[in-house]
Amino acid sequence: METHPSIDKAKAYFDLQFGQASAGYHVTAAPLITISRECGTGGNALGEEIARRLNRLLDVDQPPWTVFDRNLVARMLEDNHLSASLARFIPEDKVSEIDASVGEIVGLHPSIWTLVHNTNSLMRRLAAIGHAIIVGRGANFATAGSAHALHLRLIASPEQRARRIAQVLGLSPEQALAYGRRTDHARRDYVRSFFEADIDDPAGYDLIINMDRFTTETAADLVVSVLHSRGWIEARPPLATAAISCP
């Protein structure tokens, strides 16, 4: 059965990390990046761009930086031997209490709290391993206090976010604005429900990036420079070039 490429990447990440550990290699904790975002700021695209830049700096024997977004829940369900169909019960918002309780009564799925707890535990495992970029799911709150973690929050004006949403989803400007408001409300509710925290509290982040003023590429450069300034990654020196003498 074919799987989504991001799920394959997640599996490869764990296979490599735990394969090294079982082979006797000492796996040291590497940096972690979490990305919280307003709808339409391009959090997934930024995560992938950061990973591309950071992977260019790695030695061949180091595990690659991997982005975890929707594949995070897929991995959690696999780890706990649960059906992939349960992913629909834990979108990045608070599930209806009625839907949750009915499912539990008839034995269709574990409690919503159990699924979220398992997801949070997986995020803390990723924080302990490093070389991971987690998008959404209140990851900054789940991994609060982790060493070498950089927590990002992406914001932008409603107009710019609506333009991006409209382009990606094929919506009218009015529909895109409404979609953005609903999604932001859902994410705010998810964080409040499961972490008793405010997603908009700037104290929860190391760096807040206004994507009105950055492209995906320049924002990625900024994040890499912050990691380097903290001494968490090493900049690869430019390749030496041989001197060429003119005849």
C-alpha atoms as a PDB file:
ATOM      1  CA  MET A   1       0.000   0.000   0.000  1.00  0.00           C
ATOM      2  CA  GLU A   2       1.346   3.428  -0.945  1.00  0.00           C
ATOM      3  CA  THR A   3       1.911   5.985   1.800  1.00  0.00           C
ATOM      4  CA  HIS A   4       2.288   9.750   1.815  1.00  0.00           C
ATOM      5  CA  PRO A   5       5.945  10.823   1.287  1.00  0.00           C
ATOM      6  CA  SER A   6       6.015  12.642   4.643  1.00  0.00           C
ATOM      7  CA  ILE A   7       5.004   9.423   6.426  1.00  0.00           C
ATOM      8  CA  ASP A   8       7.829   7.591   4.663  1.00  0.00           C
ATOM      9  CA  LYS A   9      10.246  10.302   5.815  1.00  0.00           C
ATOM     10  CA  ALA A  10       9.030   9.968   9.390  1.00  0.00           C
ATOM     11  CA  LYS A  11       9.541   6.197   9.300  1.00  0.00           C
ATOM     12  CA  ALA A  12      13.027   6.605   7.830  1.00  0.00           C
ATOM     13  CA  TYR A  13      13.891   9.115  10.568  1.00  0.00           C
ATOM     14  CA  PHE A  14      12.995   6.703  13.379  1.00  0.00           C
ATOM     15  CA  ASP A  15      14.507   3.706  11.642  1.00  0.00           C
ATOM     16  CA  LEU A  16      17.830   5.515  11.312  1.00  0.00           C
ATOM     17  CA  GLN A  17      17.848   6.982  14.831  1.00  0.00           C
ATOM     18  CA  PHE A  18      16.970   3.776  16.622  1.00  0.00           C
ATOM     19  CA  GLY A  19      19.036   1.708  14.224  1.00  0.00           C
ATOM     20  CA  GLN A  20      22.106   3.676  15.240  1.00  0.00           C
ATOM     21  CA  ALA A  21      21.297   3.252  18.914  1.00  0.00           C
ATOM     22  CA  SER A  22      20.822  -0.526  18.600  1.00  0.00           C
ATOM     23  CA  ALA A  23      24.081  -0.794  16.673  1.00  0.00           C
ATOM     24  CA  GLY A  24      25.957   0.726  19.572  1.00  0.00           C
ATOM     25  CA  TYR A  25      26.354   4.276  18.294  1.00  0.00           C
ATOM     26  CA  HIS A  26      26.019   7.050  20.841  1.00  0.00           C
ATOM     27  CA  VAL A  27      23.087   9.157  19.642  1.00  0.00           C
ATOM     28  CA  THR A  28      23.404  12.639  21.101  1.00  0.00           C
ATOM     29  CA  ALA A  29      20.515  15.087  21.354  1.00  0.00           C
ATOM     30  CA  ALA A  30      20.459  17.534  18.457  1.00  0.00           C
ATOM     31  CA  PRO A  31      18.423  20.742  18.143  1.00  0.00           C
ATOM     32  CA  LEU A  32      14.647  20.751  17.797  1.00  0.00           C
ATOM     33  CA  ILE A  33      12.511  23.360  16.015  1.00  0.00           C
ATOM     34  CA  THR A  34       8.799  23.860  16.628  1.00  0.00           C
ATOM     35  CA  ILE A  35       6.617  26.019  14.381  1.00  0.00           C
ATOM     36  CA  SER A  36       3.342  27.494  15.598  1.00  0.00           C
ATOM     37  CA  ARG A  37       1.556  29.441  12.903  1.00  0.00           C
ATOM     38  CA  GLU A  38      -1.431  31.521  12.031  1.00  0.00           C
ATOM     39  CA  CYS A  39      -3.396  29.969   9.195  1.00  0.00           C
ATOM     40  CA  GLY A  40      -1.981  31.013   5.838  1.00  0.00           C
ATOM     41  CA  THR A  41       1.560  31.864   6.955  1.00  0.00           C
ATOM     42  CA  GLY A  42       3.146  28.820   5.288  1.00  0.00           C
ATOM     43  CA  GLY A  43       4.382  26.901   8.326  1.00  0.00           C
ATOM     44  CA  ASN A  44       4.821  23.612   6.473  1.00  0.00           C
ATOM     45  CA  ALA A  45       6.634  25.257   3.563  1.00  0.00           C
ATOM     46  CA  LEU A  46       8.978  27.025   5.987  1.00  0.00           C
ATOM     47  CA  GLY A  47       9.664  23.788   7.846  1.00  0.00           C
ATOM     48  CA  GLU A  48      10.632  22.044   4.617  1.00  0.00           C
ATOM     49  CA  GLU A  49      12.849  24.960   3.553  1.00  0.00           C
ATOM     50  CA  ILE A  50      14.637  25.015   6.918  1.00  0.00           C
ATOM     51  CA  ALA A  51      15.189  21.253   6.684  1.00  0.00           C
ATOM     52  CA  ARG A  52      16.702  21.620   3.199  1.00  0.00           C
ATOM     53  CA  ARG A  53      19.167  24.229   4.427  1.00  0.00           C
ATOM     54  CA  LEU A  54      20.140  22.325   7.559  1.00  0.00           C
ATOM     55  CA  ASN A  55      20.584  19.031   5.730  1.00  0.00           C
ATOM     56  CA  ARG A  56      23.219  20.662   3.518  1.00  0.00           C
ATOM     57  CA  LEU A  57      25.303  21.220   6.670  1.00  0.00           C
ATOM     58  CA  LEU A  58      25.220  17.624   7.887  1.00  0.00           C
ATOM     59  CA  ASP A  59      27.929  15.022   7.615  1.00  0.00           C
ATOM     60  CA  VAL A  60      26.984  11.939   5.647  1.00  0.00           C
ATOM     61  CA  ASP A  61      26.643   9.790   8.799  1.00  0.00           C
ATOM     62  CA  GLN A  62      24.252  12.190  10.564  1.00  0.00           C
ATOM     63  CA  PRO A  63      20.482  11.605  10.505  1.00  0.00           C
ATOM     64  CA  PRO A  64      18.645  14.138   8.333  1.00  0.00           C
ATOM     65  CA  TRP A  65      16.424  16.877   9.627  1.00  0.00           C
ATOM     66  CA  THR A  66      12.812  15.738   9.231  1.00  0.00           C
ATOM     67  CA  VAL A  67       9.561  17.709   9.255  1.00  0.00           C
ATOM     68  CA  PHE A  68       6.688  16.334  11.332  1.00  0.00           C
ATOM     69  CA  ASP A  69       3.197  17.676  10.647  1.00  0.00           C
ATOM     70  CA  ARG A  70       0.349  15.345   9.671  1.00  0.00           C
ATOM     71  CA  ASN A  71       2.763  12.424   9.747  1.00  0.00           C
ATOM     72  CA  LEU A  72       3.174  12.995  13.503  1.00  0.00           C
ATOM     73  CA  VAL A  73      -0.263  11.546  14.284  1.00  0.00           C
ATOM     74  CA  ALA A  74       0.244   8.719  11.790  1.00  0.00           C
ATOM     75  CA  ARG A  75       3.447   7.759  13.593  1.00  0.00           C
ATOM     76  CA  MET A  76       1.780   7.979  17.031  1.00  0.00           C
ATOM     77  CA  LEU A  77      -1.013   5.643  15.923  1.00  0.00           C
ATOM     78  CA  GLU A  78       1.494   3.181  14.463  1.00  0.00           C
ATOM     79  CA  ASP A  79       3.581   3.218  17.660  1.00  0.00           C
ATOM     80  CA  ASN A  80       0.489   2.436  19.717  1.00  0.00           C
ATOM     81  CA  HIS A  81      -0.830  -0.220  17.295  1.00  0.00           C
ATOM     82  CA  LEU A  82      -3.948   1.814  16.552  1.00  0.00           C
ATOM     83  CA  SER A  83      -5.901   2.188  13.332  1.00  0.00           C
ATOM     84  CA  ALA A  84      -4.852   5.024  11.030  1.00  0.00           C
ATOM     85  CA  SER A  85      -8.551   5.916  10.755  1.00  0.00           C
ATOM     86  CA  LEU A  86      -8.387   7.352  14.285  1.00  0.00           C
ATOM     87  CA  ALA A  87      -6.495  10.380  12.980  1.00  0.00           C
ATOM     88  CA  ARG A  88      -9.814  12.031  12.200  1.00  0.00           C
ATOM     89  CA  PHE A  89     -10.662  12.134  15.909  1.00  0.00           C
ATOM     90  CA  ILE A  90      -7.717  14.375  16.765  1.00  0.00           C
ATOM     91  CA  PRO A  91      -7.472  17.211  14.272  1.00  0.00           C
ATOM     92  CA  GLU A  92      -5.596  20.269  15.498  1.00  0.00           C
ATOM     93  CA  ASP A  93      -8.652  21.570  17.351  1.00  0.00           C
ATOM     94  CA  LYS A  94     -10.893  20.496  20.203  1.00  0.00           C
ATOM     95  CA  VAL A  95     -13.074  17.577  19.160  1.00  0.00           C
ATOM     96  CA  SER A  96     -16.732  17.774  20.086  1.00  0.00           C
ATOM     97  CA  GLU A  97     -17.269  16.312  23.551  1.00  0.00           C
ATOM     98  CA  ILE A  98     -20.358  14.516  22.216  1.00  0.00           C
ATOM     99  CA  ASP A  99     -18.450  12.899  19.346  1.00  0.00           C
ATOM    100  CA  ALA A 100     -15.651  11.885  21.709  1.00  0.00           C
ATOM    101  CA  SER A 101     -17.882  10.403  24.404  1.00  0.00           C
ATOM    102  CA  VAL A 102     -20.053   8.480  21.934  1.00  0.00           C
ATOM    103  CA  GLY A 103     -16.975   6.933  20.346  1.00  0.00           C
ATOM    104  CA  GLU A 104     -15.642   5.856  23.728  1.00  0.00           C
ATOM    105  CA  ILE A 105     -18.994   4.420  24.876  1.00  0.00           C
ATOM    106  CA  VAL A 106     -19.307   2.134  21.857  1.00  0.00           C
ATOM    107  CA  GLY A 107     -15.622   1.262  21.962  1.00  0.00           C
ATOM    108  CA  LEU A 108     -14.710   2.818  18.623  1.00  0.00           C
ATOM    109  CA  HIS A 109     -11.524   4.486  19.824  1.00  0.00           C
ATOM    110  CA  PRO A 110      -9.485   5.404  22.924  1.00  0.00           C
ATOM    111  CA  SER A 111     -10.323   8.638  24.684  1.00  0.00           C
ATOM    112  CA  ILE A 112      -9.356  11.857  22.941  1.00  0.00           C
ATOM    113  CA  TRP A 113      -7.178  12.698  25.935  1.00  0.00           C
ATOM    114  CA  THR A 114      -5.288   9.417  25.528  1.00  0.00           C
ATOM    115  CA  LEU A 115      -4.618  10.072  21.842  1.00  0.00           C
ATOM    116  CA  VAL A 116      -3.422  13.617  22.522  1.00  0.00           C
ATOM    117  CA  HIS A 117      -1.303  12.425  25.465  1.00  0.00           C
ATOM    118  CA  ASN A 118       0.339   9.852  23.193  1.00  0.00           C
ATOM    119  CA  THR A 119       0.977  12.528  20.559  1.00  0.00           C
ATOM    120  CA  ASN A 120       2.554  14.809  23.162  1.00  0.00           C
ATOM    121  CA  SER A 121       4.745  11.951  24.367  1.00  0.00           C
ATOM    122  CA  LEU A 122       5.944  11.367  20.819  1.00  0.00           C
ATOM    123  CA  MET A 123       6.831  15.063  20.478  1.00  0.00           C
ATOM    124  CA  ARG A 124       8.913  14.833  23.639  1.00  0.00           C
ATOM    125  CA  ARG A 125      10.686  11.789  22.179  1.00  0.00           C
ATOM    126  CA  LEU A 126      11.484  13.854  19.093  1.00  0.00           C
ATOM    127  CA  ALA A 127      12.806  16.629  21.334  1.00  0.00           C
ATOM    128  CA  ALA A 128      15.110  14.141  23.041  1.00  0.00           C
ATOM    129  CA  ILE A 129      16.422  12.887  19.689  1.00  0.00           C
ATOM    130  CA  GLY A 130      16.628  16.188  17.796  1.00  0.00           C
ATOM    131  CA  HIS A 131      17.009  16.987  14.107  1.00  0.00           C
ATOM    132  CA  ALA A 132      13.215  17.337  14.029  1.00  0.00           C
ATOM    133  CA  ILE A 133      10.957  20.202  12.949  1.00  0.00           C
ATOM    134  CA  ILE A 134       7.446  19.906  14.407  1.00  0.00           C
ATOM    135  CA  VAL A 135       4.668  21.997  12.859  1.00  0.00           C
ATOM    136  CA  GLY A 136       1.612  22.730  15.004  1.00  0.00           C
ATOM    137  CA  ARG A 137       0.004  20.540  17.693  1.00  0.00           C
ATOM    138  CA  GLY A 138       1.111  22.921  20.461  1.00  0.00           C
ATOM    139  CA  ALA A 139       4.588  21.434  20.081  1.00  0.00           C
ATOM    140  CA  ASN A 140       6.274  24.338  21.859  1.00  0.00           C
ATOM    141  CA  PHE A 141       4.132  23.668  24.944  1.00  0.00           C
ATOM    142  CA  ALA A 142       4.545  19.888  24.764  1.00  0.00           C
ATOM    143  CA  THR A 143       8.342  20.248  24.603  1.00  0.00           C
ATOM    144  CA  ALA A 144       8.711  23.265  26.907  1.00  0.00           C
ATOM    145  CA  GLY A 145      11.979  23.118  28.819  1.00  0.00           C
ATOM    146  CA  SER A 146      13.707  20.900  26.270  1.00  0.00           C
ATOM    147  CA  ALA A 147      17.356  21.684  25.757  1.00  0.00           C
ATOM    148  CA  HIS A 148      18.322  23.029  22.335  1.00  0.00           C
ATOM    149  CA  ALA A 149      14.732  23.735  21.277  1.00  0.00           C
ATOM    150  CA  LEU A 150      13.905  26.757  19.150  1.00  0.00           C
ATOM    151  CA  HIS A 151      10.213  27.696  19.255  1.00  0.00           C
ATOM    152  CA  LEU A 152       8.868  29.782  16.350  1.00  0.00           C
ATOM    153  CA  ARG A 153       5.553  31.578  15.864  1.00  0.00           C
ATOM    154  CA  LEU A 154       4.546  32.760  12.375  1.00  0.00           C
ATOM    155  CA  ILE A 155       2.134  35.673  12.002  1.00  0.00           C
ATOM    156  CA  ALA A 156       0.962  37.849   9.113  1.00  0.00           C
ATOM    157  CA  SER A 157      -1.785  40.286   8.231  1.00  0.00           C
ATOM    158  CA  PRO A 158      -5.237  38.760   7.615  1.00  0.00           C
ATOM    159  CA  GLU A 159      -5.147  40.048   4.028  1.00  0.00           C
ATOM    160  CA  GLN A 160      -1.882  38.358   3.104  1.00  0.00           C
ATOM    161  CA  ARG A 161      -2.878  35.147   4.826  1.00  0.00           C
ATOM    162  CA  ALA A 162      -6.216  35.148   3.006  1.00  0.00           C
ATOM    163  CA  ARG A 163      -4.446  35.562  -0.340  1.00  0.00           C
ATOM    164  CA  ARG A 164      -2.293  32.519   0.365  1.00  0.00           C
ATOM    165  CA  ILE A 165      -5.258  30.456   1.567  1.00  0.00           C
ATOM    166  CA  ALA A 166      -7.304  31.440  -1.485  1.00  0.00           C
ATOM    167  CA  GLN A 167      -4.458  30.450  -3.805  1.00  0.00           C
ATOM    168  CA  VAL A 168      -3.826  27.085  -2.132  1.00  0.00           C
ATOM    169  CA  LEU A 169      -7.454  26.047  -1.607  1.00  0.00           C
ATOM    170  CA  GLY A 170      -9.076  27.806  -4.560  1.00  0.00           C
ATOM    171  CA  LEU A 171     -11.375  29.947  -2.396  1.00  0.00           C
ATOM    172  CA  SER A 172     -12.752  33.432  -2.876  1.00  0.00           C
ATOM    173  CA  PRO A 173     -11.177  36.203  -0.742  1.00  0.00           C
ATOM    174  CA  GLU A 174     -14.213  36.217   1.556  1.00  0.00           C
ATOM    175  CA  GLN A 175     -14.178  32.431   1.917  1.00  0.00           C
ATOM    176  CA  ALA A 176     -10.429  32.478   2.585  1.00  0.00           C
ATOM    177  CA  LEU A 177     -10.819  35.058   5.371  1.00  0.00           C
ATOM    178  CA  ALA A 178     -13.569  32.990   6.982  1.00  0.00           C
ATOM    179  CA  TYR A 179     -11.526  29.788   6.642  1.00  0.00           C
ATOM    180  CA  GLY A 180      -8.535  31.456   8.290  1.00  0.00           C
ATOM    181  CA  ARG A 181     -10.621  32.700  11.208  1.00  0.00           C
ATOM    182  CA  ARG A 182     -12.157  29.254  11.799  1.00  0.00           C
ATOM    183  CA  THR A 183      -8.816  27.495  11.632  1.00  0.00           C
ATOM    184  CA  ASP A 184      -7.084  29.957  13.949  1.00  0.00           C
ATOM    185  CA  HIS A 185      -9.946  29.624  16.423  1.00  0.00           C
ATOM    186  CA  ALA A 186      -9.671  25.829  16.283  1.00  0.00           C
ATOM    187  CA  ARG A 187      -5.913  25.872  16.903  1.00  0.00           C
ATOM    188  CA  ARG A 188      -6.345  28.347  19.750  1.00  0.00           C
ATOM    189  CA  ASP A 189      -8.975  26.056  21.261  1.00  0.00           C
ATOM    190  CA  TYR A 190      -6.735  22.976  20.892  1.00  0.00           C
ATOM    191  CA  VAL A 191      -3.884  24.634  22.801  1.00  0.00           C
ATOM    192  CA  ARG A 192      -6.215  25.997  25.473  1.00  0.00           C
ATOM    193  CA  SER A 193      -7.934  22.625  25.929  1.00  0.00           C
ATOM    194  CA  PHE A 194      -4.885  20.374  26.090  1.00  0.00           C
ATOM    195  CA  PHE A 195      -2.156  22.667  27.466  1.00  0.00           C
ATOM    196  CA  GLU A 196      -4.164  25.315  29.350  1.00  0.00           C
ATOM    197  CA  ALA A 197      -2.136  27.888  27.447  1.00  0.00           C
ATOM    198  CA  ASP A 198      -2.666  30.824  25.097  1.00  0.00           C
ATOM    199  CA  ILE A 199      -1.332  30.163  21.611  1.00  0.00           C
ATOM    200  CA  ASP A 200      -0.876  33.929  21.083  1.00  0.00           C
ATOM    201  CA  ASP A 201       1.213  34.467  24.242  1.00  0.00           C
ATOM    202  CA  PRO A 202       4.607  35.690  22.976  1.00  0.00           C
ATOM    203  CA  ALA A 203       6.296  34.283  26.069  1.00  0.00           C
ATOM    204  CA  GLY A 204       5.796  30.801  24.611  1.00  0.00           C
ATOM    205  CA  TYR A 205       8.185  31.449  21.713  1.00  0.00           C
ATOM    206  CA  ASP A 206      11.833  32.269  21.109  1.00  0.00           C
ATOM    207  CA  LEU A 207      11.201  33.989  17.797  1.00  0.00           C
ATOM    208  CA  ILE A 208       8.067  35.508  16.254  1.00  0.00           C
ATOM    209  CA  ILE A 209       8.350  36.061  12.502  1.00  0.00           C
ATOM    210  CA  ASN A 210       6.028  38.412  10.642  1.00  0.00           C
ATOM    211  CA  MET A 211       5.683  36.723   7.260  1.00  0.00           C
ATOM    212  CA  ASP A 212       4.470  39.992   5.722  1.00  0.00           C
ATOM    213  CA  ARG A 213       8.134  40.985   5.829  1.00  0.00           C
ATOM    214  CA  PHE A 214       9.851  37.706   4.983  1.00  0.00           C
ATOM    215  CA  THR A 215       9.760  35.244   2.144  1.00  0.00           C
ATOM    216  CA  THR A 216       9.937  31.564   2.985  1.00  0.00           C
ATOM    217  CA  GLU A 217      13.581  31.586   1.913  1.00  0.00           C
ATOM    218  CA  THR A 218      14.649  34.619   3.953  1.00  0.00           C
ATOM    219  CA  ALA A 219      12.769  33.327   7.017  1.00  0.00           C
ATOM    220  CA  ALA A 220      14.605  30.003   6.676  1.00  0.00           C
ATOM    221  CA  ASP A 221      17.929  31.849   6.474  1.00  0.00           C
ATOM    222  CA  LEU A 222      16.998  33.737   9.662  1.00  0.00           C
ATOM    223  CA  VAL A 223      16.225  30.541  11.561  1.00  0.00           C
ATOM    224  CA  VAL A 224      19.459  28.873  10.460  1.00  0.00           C
ATOM    225  CA  SER A 225      21.430  31.959  11.551  1.00  0.00           C
ATOM    226  CA  VAL A 226      19.790  31.845  14.995  1.00  0.00           C
ATOM    227  CA  LEU A 227      20.716  28.174  15.420  1.00  0.00           C
ATOM    228  CA  HIS A 228      24.274  28.989  14.406  1.00  0.00           C
ATOM    229  CA  SER A 229      24.481  31.984  16.755  1.00  0.00           C
ATOM    230  CA  ARG A 230      23.462  29.730  19.650  1.00  0.00           C
ATOM    231  CA  GLY A 231      26.201  27.266  18.757  1.00  0.00           C
ATOM    232  CA  TRP A 232      23.717  24.470  18.014  1.00  0.00           C
ATOM    233  CA  ILE A 233      24.877  23.925  14.437  1.00  0.00           C
ATOM    234  CA  GLU A 234      28.147  24.503  12.667  1.00  0.00           C
ATOM    235  CA  ALA A 235      28.343  26.443   9.462  1.00  0.00           C
ATOM    236  CA  ARG A 236      30.068  24.393   6.798  1.00  0.00           C
ATOM    237  CA  PRO A 237      33.075  26.307   5.463  1.00  0.00           C
ATOM    238  CA  PRO A 238      33.163  27.033   1.735  1.00  0.00           C
ATOM    239  CA  LEU A 239      34.963  24.486  -0.401  1.00  0.00           C
ATOM    240  CA  ALA A 240      38.606  25.332  -0.975  1.00  0.00           C
ATOM    241  CA  THR A 241      39.490  26.166  -4.525  1.00  0.00           C
ATOM    242  CA  ALA A 242      42.820  25.408  -6.099  1.00  0.00           C
ATOM    243  CA  ALA A 243      44.855  28.325  -7.329  1.00  0.00           C
ATOM    244  CA  ILE A 244      44.946  28.635 -11.080  1.00  0.00           C
ATOM    245  CA  SER A 245      48.037  30.160 -12.651  1.00  0.00           C
ATOM    246  CA  CYS A 246      47.763  31.934 -15.945  1.00  0.00           C
ATOM    247  CA  PRO A 247      50.208  30.906 -18.621  1.00  0.00           C
END
